[in-house]
Protein backbone atom coordinates (compact mmCIF):
# COMPACT_ATOMS: atom_id res chain seq x y z
CA UNK A 1 0.00 0.00 0.00
CA UNK A 2 3.00 2.30 0.24
CA UNK A 3 3.34 2.77 -3.51
CA UNK A 4 -0.38 3.10 -4.28
CA UNK A 5 0.12 6.81 -5.09
CA UNK A 6 2.57 5.85 -7.84
CA UNK A 7 0.25 3.43 -9.66
CA UNK A 8 -1.11 4.67 -13.00
CA UNK A 9 -4.74 5.73 -13.10
CA UNK A 10 -7.06 3.87 -15.48
CA UNK A 11 -9.50 5.73 -17.74
CA UNK A 12 -12.64 4.95 -15.72
CA UNK A 13 -11.00 6.31 -12.57
CA UNK A 14 -9.86 9.44 -14.42
CA UNK A 15 -13.45 10.06 -15.53
CA UNK A 16 -14.68 9.63 -11.96
CA UNK A 17 -11.96 11.79 -10.39
CA UNK A 18 -12.29 14.65 -12.88
CA UNK A 19 -16.06 14.16 -13.40
CA UNK A 20 -15.68 14.10 -17.17
CA UNK A 21 -17.32 12.02 -19.86
CA UNK A 22 -15.49 9.41 -21.89
CA UNK A 23 -15.93 11.63 -24.97
CA UNK A 24 -14.17 14.50 -23.23
CA UNK A 25 -11.41 12.14 -22.08
CA UNK A 26 -10.89 10.86 -25.65
CA UNK A 27 -10.96 14.38 -27.14
CA UNK A 28 -8.56 15.83 -24.57
CA UNK A 29 -6.22 12.85 -24.84
CA UNK A 30 -6.19 13.20 -28.63
CA UNK A 31 -5.32 16.91 -28.61
CA UNK A 32 -2.75 16.53 -25.81
CA UNK A 33 -4.47 18.23 -22.91
CA UNK A 34 -4.62 14.98 -20.94
CA UNK A 35 -1.23 13.35 -21.02
CA UNK A 36 -1.00 9.59 -21.19
CA UNK A 37 1.56 7.76 -19.05
CA UNK A 38 1.50 4.85 -21.49
CA UNK A 39 -0.82 2.05 -22.45
CA UNK A 40 -1.80 -1.24 -20.89
CA UNK A 41 -3.05 -4.30 -22.72
CA UNK A 42 -5.19 -6.84 -20.89
CA UNK A 43 -7.17 -9.90 -21.88
CA UNK A 44 -10.55 -9.87 -20.23
CA UNK A 45 -11.94 -13.12 -18.96
CA UNK A 46 -14.35 -14.68 -21.43
CA UNK A 47 -13.17 -12.56 -24.35
CA UNK A 48 -11.05 -13.69 -27.25
CA UNK A 49 -9.45 -10.31 -27.85
CA UNK A 50 -7.13 -8.19 -25.79
CA UNK A 51 -7.96 -4.54 -25.14
CA UNK A 52 -5.47 -1.71 -24.96
CA UNK A 53 -6.13 1.53 -23.11
CA UNK A 54 -4.20 4.59 -21.95
CA UNK A 55 -3.24 5.00 -18.32
CA UNK A 56 -2.49 8.32 -16.67
CA UNK A 57 0.07 9.61 -14.21
CA UNK A 58 -1.64 10.33 -10.87
CA UNK A 59 0.39 13.54 -10.39
CA UNK A 60 -0.84 14.88 -13.74
CA UNK A 61 -4.45 14.06 -12.86
CA UNK A 62 -3.99 15.73 -9.46
CA UNK A 63 -2.54 18.81 -11.17
CA UNK A 64 -5.48 18.99 -13.59
CA UNK A 65 -7.89 18.70 -10.68
CA UNK A 66 -6.09 21.27 -8.49
CA UNK A 67 -5.83 23.87 -11.25
CA UNK A 68 -9.46 23.27 -12.31
CA UNK A 69 -8.38 22.81 -15.91
CA UNK A 70 -11.51 20.79 -16.70
CA UNK A 71 -13.78 23.84 -16.55
CA UNK A 72 -11.31 25.89 -18.63
CA UNK A 73 -11.13 23.12 -21.23
CA UNK A 74 -14.92 22.88 -21.35
CA UNK A 75 -15.16 26.63 -21.95
CA UNK A 76 -12.60 26.36 -24.76
CA UNK A 77 -14.52 23.46 -26.29
CA UNK A 78 -17.78 25.42 -26.09
CA UNK A 79 -16.15 28.43 -27.81
CA UNK A 80 -14.74 26.18 -30.54
CA UNK A 81 -18.15 24.55 -31.03
CA UNK A 82 -19.82 27.97 -31.38
CA UNK A 83 -17.20 29.03 -33.91
CA UNK A 84 -17.61 25.78 -35.87
CA UNK A 85 -21.40 26.22 -35.92
CA UNK A 86 -21.03 29.81 -37.12
CA UNK A 87 -18.59 28.75 -39.84
CA UNK A 88 -20.86 25.90 -40.95
CA UNK A 89 -23.89 28.22 -41.07
CA UNK A 90 -21.97 30.71 -43.21
CA UNK A 91 -20.83 27.93 -45.53
CA UNK A 92 -24.40 26.64 -45.84
CA UNK A 93 -25.65 30.16 -46.61
CA UNK A 94 -23.09 30.51 -49.39
CA UNK A 95 -24.12 27.15 -50.85
CA UNK A 96 -27.80 28.13 -50.75
CA UNK A 97 -27.03 31.42 -52.50
CA UNK A 98 -25.04 29.60 -55.20
CA UNK A 99 -27.87 27.12 -55.66
CA UNK A 100 -30.39 29.96 -56.03
CA UNK A 101 -28.15 31.63 -58.61
CA UNK A 102 -27.84 28.38 -60.60
CA UNK A 103 -31.60 27.83 -60.48
CA UNK A 104 -32.23 31.42 -61.58
CA UNK A 105 -29.78 30.98 -64.47
CA UNK A 106 -31.52 27.73 -65.47
CA UNK A 107 -34.91 29.44 -65.30
CA UNK A 108 -33.64 32.21 -67.57
CA UNK A 109 -32.14 29.66 -69.98
CA UNK A 110 -35.29 27.55 -70.04
CA UNK A 111 -37.52 30.58 -70.60
CA UNK A 112 -35.26 31.66 -73.46
CA UNK A 113 -35.46 28.16 -74.93
CA UNK A 114 -39.27 28.19 -74.73
CA UNK A 115 -39.43 31.59 -76.44
CA UNK A 116 -36.94 30.59 -79.11
CA UNK A 117 -38.96 27.53 -80.09
CA UNK A 118 -41.37 28.62 -82.73
CA UNK A 119 -44.83 27.21 -82.88
CA UNK A 120 -44.19 25.31 -86.12
CA UNK A 121 -46.15 22.09 -86.43
CA UNK A 122 -45.98 20.88 -90.00
CA UNK A 123 -43.71 20.99 -93.04
CA UNK A 124 -45.71 23.83 -94.48
CA UNK A 125 -44.97 25.98 -91.44
CA UNK A 126 -41.25 25.26 -91.79
CA UNK A 127 -41.32 26.10 -95.44
CA UNK A 128 -43.32 29.23 -94.74
CA UNK A 129 -40.72 30.41 -92.27
CA UNK A 130 -37.96 29.81 -94.77
CA UNK A 131 -36.29 27.11 -92.74
CA UNK A 132 -36.33 24.55 -95.54
CA UNK A 133 -34.11 25.33 -98.53
C-alpha atoms as a PDB file:
ATOM      1  CA  UNK A   1       0.000   0.000   0.000  1.00  0.00           C
ATOM      2  CA  UNK A   2       3.002   2.304   0.239  1.00  0.00           C
ATOM      3  CA  UNK A   3       3.337   2.773  -3.505  1.00  0.00           C
ATOM      4  CA  UNK A   4      -0.376   3.100  -4.277  1.00  0.00           C
ATOM      5  CA  UNK A   5       0.115   6.812  -5.087  1.00  0.00           C
ATOM      6  CA  UNK A   6       2.570   5.847  -7.837  1.00  0.00           C
ATOM      7  CA  UNK A   7       0.248   3.432  -9.660  1.00  0.00           C
ATOM      8  CA  UNK A   8      -1.109   4.669 -12.996  1.00  0.00           C
ATOM      9  CA  UNK A   9      -4.742   5.732 -13.097  1.00  0.00           C
ATOM     10  CA  UNK A  10      -7.056   3.867 -15.484  1.00  0.00           C
ATOM     11  CA  UNK A  11      -9.504   5.725 -17.737  1.00  0.00           C
ATOM     12  CA  UNK A  12     -12.641   4.953 -15.723  1.00  0.00           C
ATOM     13  CA  UNK A  13     -11.002   6.312 -12.574  1.00  0.00           C
ATOM     14  CA  UNK A  14      -9.858   9.445 -14.422  1.00  0.00           C
ATOM     15  CA  UNK A  15     -13.454  10.055 -15.528  1.00  0.00           C
ATOM     16  CA  UNK A  16     -14.684   9.635 -11.960  1.00  0.00           C
ATOM     17  CA  UNK A  17     -11.960  11.793 -10.387  1.00  0.00           C
ATOM     18  CA  UNK A  18     -12.295  14.653 -12.876  1.00  0.00           C
ATOM     19  CA  UNK A  19     -16.063  14.160 -13.398  1.00  0.00           C
ATOM     20  CA  UNK A  20     -15.683  14.102 -17.169  1.00  0.00           C
ATOM     21  CA  UNK A  21     -17.319  12.015 -19.863  1.00  0.00           C
ATOM     22  CA  UNK A  22     -15.488   9.414 -21.892  1.00  0.00           C
ATOM     23  CA  UNK A  23     -15.930  11.629 -24.967  1.00  0.00           C
ATOM     24  CA  UNK A  24     -14.169  14.505 -23.226  1.00  0.00           C
ATOM     25  CA  UNK A  25     -11.413  12.136 -22.075  1.00  0.00           C
ATOM     26  CA  UNK A  26     -10.890  10.863 -25.647  1.00  0.00           C
ATOM     27  CA  UNK A  27     -10.956  14.380 -27.139  1.00  0.00           C
ATOM     28  CA  UNK A  28      -8.556  15.830 -24.574  1.00  0.00           C
ATOM     29  CA  UNK A  29      -6.220  12.852 -24.844  1.00  0.00           C
ATOM     30  CA  UNK A  30      -6.189  13.201 -28.631  1.00  0.00           C
ATOM     31  CA  UNK A  31      -5.319  16.907 -28.608  1.00  0.00           C
ATOM     32  CA  UNK A  32      -2.747  16.534 -25.812  1.00  0.00           C
ATOM     33  CA  UNK A  33      -4.473  18.234 -22.912  1.00  0.00           C
ATOM     34  CA  UNK A  34      -4.619  14.976 -20.945  1.00  0.00           C
ATOM     35  CA  UNK A  35      -1.234  13.350 -21.021  1.00  0.00           C
ATOM     36  CA  UNK A  36      -1.001   9.590 -21.190  1.00  0.00           C
ATOM     37  CA  UNK A  37       1.557   7.759 -19.052  1.00  0.00           C
ATOM     38  CA  UNK A  38       1.502   4.854 -21.487  1.00  0.00           C
ATOM     39  CA  UNK A  39      -0.818   2.049 -22.451  1.00  0.00           C
ATOM     40  CA  UNK A  40      -1.805  -1.238 -20.890  1.00  0.00           C
ATOM     41  CA  UNK A  41      -3.053  -4.303 -22.718  1.00  0.00           C
ATOM     42  CA  UNK A  42      -5.192  -6.843 -20.893  1.00  0.00           C
ATOM     43  CA  UNK A  43      -7.167  -9.901 -21.877  1.00  0.00           C
ATOM     44  CA  UNK A  44     -10.551  -9.866 -20.232  1.00  0.00           C
ATOM     45  CA  UNK A  45     -11.941 -13.120 -18.959  1.00  0.00           C
ATOM     46  CA  UNK A  46     -14.348 -14.680 -21.430  1.00  0.00           C
ATOM     47  CA  UNK A  47     -13.165 -12.558 -24.345  1.00  0.00           C
ATOM     48  CA  UNK A  48     -11.053 -13.694 -27.250  1.00  0.00           C
ATOM     49  CA  UNK A  49      -9.449 -10.307 -27.846  1.00  0.00           C
ATOM     50  CA  UNK A  50      -7.133  -8.191 -25.786  1.00  0.00           C
ATOM     51  CA  UNK A  51      -7.963  -4.538 -25.142  1.00  0.00           C
ATOM     52  CA  UNK A  52      -5.471  -1.706 -24.963  1.00  0.00           C
ATOM     53  CA  UNK A  53      -6.131   1.533 -23.110  1.00  0.00           C
ATOM     54  CA  UNK A  54      -4.202   4.588 -21.951  1.00  0.00           C
ATOM     55  CA  UNK A  55      -3.241   4.996 -18.317  1.00  0.00           C
ATOM     56  CA  UNK A  56      -2.495   8.315 -16.669  1.00  0.00           C
ATOM     57  CA  UNK A  57       0.070   9.613 -14.205  1.00  0.00           C
ATOM     58  CA  UNK A  58      -1.642  10.330 -10.866  1.00  0.00           C
ATOM     59  CA  UNK A  59       0.391  13.539 -10.390  1.00  0.00           C
ATOM     60  CA  UNK A  60      -0.837  14.880 -13.741  1.00  0.00           C
ATOM     61  CA  UNK A  61      -4.445  14.061 -12.858  1.00  0.00           C
ATOM     62  CA  UNK A  62      -3.993  15.731  -9.463  1.00  0.00           C
ATOM     63  CA  UNK A  63      -2.539  18.807 -11.167  1.00  0.00           C
ATOM     64  CA  UNK A  64      -5.477  18.987 -13.593  1.00  0.00           C
ATOM     65  CA  UNK A  65      -7.889  18.701 -10.678  1.00  0.00           C
ATOM     66  CA  UNK A  66      -6.087  21.265  -8.491  1.00  0.00           C
ATOM     67  CA  UNK A  67      -5.832  23.873 -11.245  1.00  0.00           C
ATOM     68  CA  UNK A  68      -9.456  23.267 -12.313  1.00  0.00           C
ATOM     69  CA  UNK A  69      -8.382  22.814 -15.911  1.00  0.00           C
ATOM     70  CA  UNK A  70     -11.508  20.790 -16.704  1.00  0.00           C
ATOM     71  CA  UNK A  71     -13.779  23.841 -16.553  1.00  0.00           C
ATOM     72  CA  UNK A  72     -11.313  25.890 -18.627  1.00  0.00           C
ATOM     73  CA  UNK A  73     -11.134  23.116 -21.226  1.00  0.00           C
ATOM     74  CA  UNK A  74     -14.921  22.882 -21.349  1.00  0.00           C
ATOM     75  CA  UNK A  75     -15.159  26.633 -21.947  1.00  0.00           C
ATOM     76  CA  UNK A  76     -12.597  26.363 -24.759  1.00  0.00           C
ATOM     77  CA  UNK A  77     -14.522  23.464 -26.291  1.00  0.00           C
ATOM     78  CA  UNK A  78     -17.776  25.421 -26.092  1.00  0.00           C
ATOM     79  CA  UNK A  79     -16.151  28.425 -27.813  1.00  0.00           C
ATOM     80  CA  UNK A  80     -14.743  26.177 -30.544  1.00  0.00           C
ATOM     81  CA  UNK A  81     -18.154  24.554 -31.026  1.00  0.00           C
ATOM     82  CA  UNK A  82     -19.819  27.970 -31.384  1.00  0.00           C
ATOM     83  CA  UNK A  83     -17.199  29.035 -33.913  1.00  0.00           C
ATOM     84  CA  UNK A  84     -17.611  25.778 -35.865  1.00  0.00           C
ATOM     85  CA  UNK A  85     -21.400  26.217 -35.917  1.00  0.00           C
ATOM     86  CA  UNK A  86     -21.031  29.807 -37.122  1.00  0.00           C
ATOM     87  CA  UNK A  87     -18.595  28.748 -39.839  1.00  0.00           C
ATOM     88  CA  UNK A  88     -20.863  25.896 -40.946  1.00  0.00           C
ATOM     89  CA  UNK A  89     -23.885  28.224 -41.071  1.00  0.00           C
ATOM     90  CA  UNK A  90     -21.969  30.710 -43.213  1.00  0.00           C
ATOM     91  CA  UNK A  91     -20.825  27.930 -45.531  1.00  0.00           C
ATOM     92  CA  UNK A  92     -24.402  26.639 -45.841  1.00  0.00           C
ATOM     93  CA  UNK A  93     -25.653  30.162 -46.609  1.00  0.00           C
ATOM     94  CA  UNK A  94     -23.086  30.513 -49.393  1.00  0.00           C
ATOM     95  CA  UNK A  95     -24.118  27.146 -50.855  1.00  0.00           C
ATOM     96  CA  UNK A  96     -27.796  28.127 -50.747  1.00  0.00           C
ATOM     97  CA  UNK A  97     -27.030  31.418 -52.501  1.00  0.00           C
ATOM     98  CA  UNK A  98     -25.042  29.602 -55.198  1.00  0.00           C
ATOM     99  CA  UNK A  99     -27.866  27.118 -55.664  1.00  0.00           C
ATOM    100  CA  UNK A 100     -30.391  29.958 -56.032  1.00  0.00           C
ATOM    101  CA  UNK A 101     -28.153  31.631 -58.613  1.00  0.00           C
ATOM    102  CA  UNK A 102     -27.835  28.384 -60.603  1.00  0.00           C
ATOM    103  CA  UNK A 103     -31.599  27.826 -60.482  1.00  0.00           C
ATOM    104  CA  UNK A 104     -32.230  31.419 -61.584  1.00  0.00           C
ATOM    105  CA  UNK A 105     -29.783  30.981 -64.471  1.00  0.00           C
ATOM    106  CA  UNK A 106     -31.521  27.731 -65.470  1.00  0.00           C
ATOM    107  CA  UNK A 107     -34.905  29.438 -65.303  1.00  0.00           C
ATOM    108  CA  UNK A 108     -33.641  32.214 -67.574  1.00  0.00           C
ATOM    109  CA  UNK A 109     -32.138  29.664 -69.982  1.00  0.00           C
ATOM    110  CA  UNK A 110     -35.292  27.554 -70.039  1.00  0.00           C
ATOM    111  CA  UNK A 111     -37.524  30.578 -70.601  1.00  0.00           C
ATOM    112  CA  UNK A 112     -35.262  31.661 -73.457  1.00  0.00           C
ATOM    113  CA  UNK A 113     -35.457  28.157 -74.932  1.00  0.00           C
ATOM    114  CA  UNK A 114     -39.265  28.193 -74.729  1.00  0.00           C
ATOM    115  CA  UNK A 115     -39.430  31.588 -76.444  1.00  0.00           C
ATOM    116  CA  UNK A 116     -36.940  30.587 -79.107  1.00  0.00           C
ATOM    117  CA  UNK A 117     -38.959  27.527 -80.090  1.00  0.00           C
ATOM    118  CA  UNK A 118     -41.366  28.617 -82.735  1.00  0.00           C
ATOM    119  CA  UNK A 119     -44.831  27.207 -82.881  1.00  0.00           C
ATOM    120  CA  UNK A 120     -44.189  25.312 -86.117  1.00  0.00           C
ATOM    121  CA  UNK A 121     -46.151  22.089 -86.427  1.00  0.00           C
ATOM    122  CA  UNK A 122     -45.983  20.882 -89.996  1.00  0.00           C
ATOM    123  CA  UNK A 123     -43.709  20.993 -93.041  1.00  0.00           C
ATOM    124  CA  UNK A 124     -45.712  23.831 -94.483  1.00  0.00           C
ATOM    125  CA  UNK A 125     -44.970  25.978 -91.437  1.00  0.00           C
ATOM    126  CA  UNK A 126     -41.250  25.256 -91.785  1.00  0.00           C
ATOM    127  CA  UNK A 127     -41.318  26.096 -95.438  1.00  0.00           C
ATOM    128  CA  UNK A 128     -43.322  29.235 -94.738  1.00  0.00           C
ATOM    129  CA  UNK A 129     -40.723  30.411 -92.269  1.00  0.00           C
ATOM    130  CA  UNK A 130     -37.960  29.811 -94.774  1.00  0.00           C
ATOM    131  CA  UNK A 131     -36.287  27.110 -92.740  1.00  0.00           C
ATOM    132  CA  UNK A 132     -36.332  24.551 -95.544  1.00  0.00           C
ATOM    133  CA  UNK A 133     -34.113  25.331 -98.529  1.00  0.00           C
END
